[in-house]
Each structure stands twice: as structure tokens, then as C-alpha cells.
Amino acid sequence: DVEDSETRYSLQIRAFPTEAEALEFVASSSIALGVLPVALVRSEVEGKGTWFRVRVGSFSSSKAAEAARAELGSLANDSLVVSNR
């Protein structure tokens, strides 16, 4: 299982139907997220319209992202590890 050294990984921890809700979540979670970089990713979801995905971190491997998920605890319970190609 070799990972591409150019690929970075993030945790997608939530998705919201409005940007305002996503920003509110980020603001209310800022202490728990610490210094992890946060990105909002605008996505068109078929049949649901535009959603705003909250992604945190920029990890060099999926294993590092998994370790961060464990450290974030309940905030990241339903998170997904995603590649940022």
C-alpha cells in the first residue's frame, strides 16, 4: 500500500447546505480544531444542490489523517479521510 508523496489528505468532518452553517460550525469548533488548517469545499451534490464540506488538516498520509481523527474524538466520529489531489 504505497501512497503518492505528492498527495495530501484531509478529514472531511461535516457538510452543510449553507456556507453560513459551515462557518458557524467552524467558529464553534475552533478550540477543538486547534491549529489544524480548515477549508470549506463547495460541492454540487446531485439532487441536493450546493453543499459546503468542512475539511481539516493537510496530512502526508492517510494513516496520519486517521491518527488526527482519533485525537479529535467525537468531533470527527463520522469523518471521512479524503485525498486532496
Protein backbone atom coordinates (compact mmCIF):
# COMPACT_ATOMS: atom_id res chain seq x y z
CA ASP A 1 0.00 0.00 0.00
CA VAL A 2 2.22 2.80 -1.31
CA GLU A 3 0.94 6.36 -1.06
CA ASP A 4 1.85 9.04 -3.57
CA SER A 5 4.24 11.52 -1.93
CA GLU A 6 2.50 14.41 -3.72
CA THR A 7 -0.93 13.59 -2.34
CA ARG A 8 -2.14 15.29 0.82
CA TYR A 9 -5.03 14.06 2.95
CA SER A 10 -7.69 15.81 4.99
CA LEU A 11 -10.55 14.83 7.23
CA GLN A 12 -13.96 15.82 5.96
CA ILE A 13 -15.72 16.23 9.28
CA ARG A 14 -19.07 17.75 8.29
CA ALA A 15 -21.12 19.04 5.36
CA PHE A 16 -23.76 21.77 5.46
CA PRO A 17 -26.36 23.05 2.98
CA THR A 18 -25.33 26.67 3.57
CA GLU A 19 -21.99 28.41 3.87
CA ALA A 20 -23.24 30.26 6.96
CA GLU A 21 -23.90 26.97 8.79
CA ALA A 22 -20.47 25.65 7.81
CA LEU A 23 -18.77 28.83 9.05
CA GLU A 24 -20.75 28.73 12.29
CA PHE A 25 -19.65 25.13 12.87
CA VAL A 26 -16.00 26.04 12.23
CA ALA A 27 -16.22 29.00 14.63
CA SER A 28 -17.84 26.91 17.36
CA SER A 29 -15.25 24.14 16.89
CA SER A 30 -12.15 26.32 16.70
CA ILE A 31 -10.84 25.36 20.14
CA ALA A 32 -11.19 21.64 19.41
CA LEU A 33 -9.62 22.02 15.97
CA GLY A 34 -6.60 23.84 17.37
CA VAL A 35 -4.05 24.78 14.74
CA LEU A 36 -5.30 22.40 12.05
CA PRO A 37 -5.94 24.20 8.77
CA VAL A 38 -9.64 24.34 7.87
CA ALA A 39 -11.07 24.53 4.36
CA LEU A 40 -14.62 24.86 3.10
CA VAL A 41 -15.13 22.96 -0.13
CA ARG A 42 -18.16 23.96 -2.17
CA SER A 43 -19.67 20.90 -3.85
CA GLU A 44 -22.65 20.28 -6.08
CA VAL A 45 -24.50 17.21 -4.79
CA GLU A 46 -26.86 15.64 -7.28
CA GLY A 47 -30.45 16.00 -6.14
CA LYS A 48 -29.43 18.11 -3.12
CA GLY A 49 -27.87 21.24 -4.61
CA THR A 50 -24.81 23.05 -3.25
CA TRP A 51 -23.23 21.83 -0.01
CA PHE A 52 -20.25 23.13 1.92
CA ARG A 53 -17.87 20.45 3.15
CA VAL A 54 -15.70 21.22 6.16
CA ARG A 55 -12.26 19.67 5.80
CA VAL A 56 -9.42 19.89 8.29
CA GLY A 57 -5.75 19.15 8.14
CA SER A 58 -3.21 18.60 5.44
CA PHE A 59 -1.62 15.25 6.17
CA SER A 60 1.12 13.45 4.27
CA SER A 61 -0.59 10.06 4.59
CA SER A 62 -3.99 8.57 5.21
CA LYS A 63 -2.55 7.00 8.39
CA ALA A 64 -1.66 10.46 9.71
CA ALA A 65 -5.20 11.62 8.94
CA GLU A 66 -6.59 8.60 10.81
CA ALA A 67 -4.40 9.45 13.81
CA ALA A 68 -5.76 13.03 13.79
CA ARG A 69 -9.30 11.65 13.63
CA ALA A 70 -8.62 9.70 16.83
CA GLU A 71 -7.24 12.83 18.52
CA LEU A 72 -10.28 14.92 17.54
CA GLY A 73 -12.58 12.43 19.25
CA SER A 74 -16.32 12.96 18.93
CA LEU A 75 -15.86 15.96 16.65
CA ALA A 76 -14.59 13.59 13.96
CA ASN A 77 -16.71 10.50 14.68
CA ASP A 78 -18.34 10.46 11.24
CA SER A 79 -15.44 11.97 9.34
CA LEU A 80 -14.01 10.70 6.08
CA VAL A 81 -10.37 10.66 5.06
CA VAL A 82 -10.18 12.33 1.65
CA SER A 83 -7.28 12.86 -0.73
CA ASN A 84 -6.52 16.36 -1.94
CA ARG A 85 -5.08 15.69 -5.37
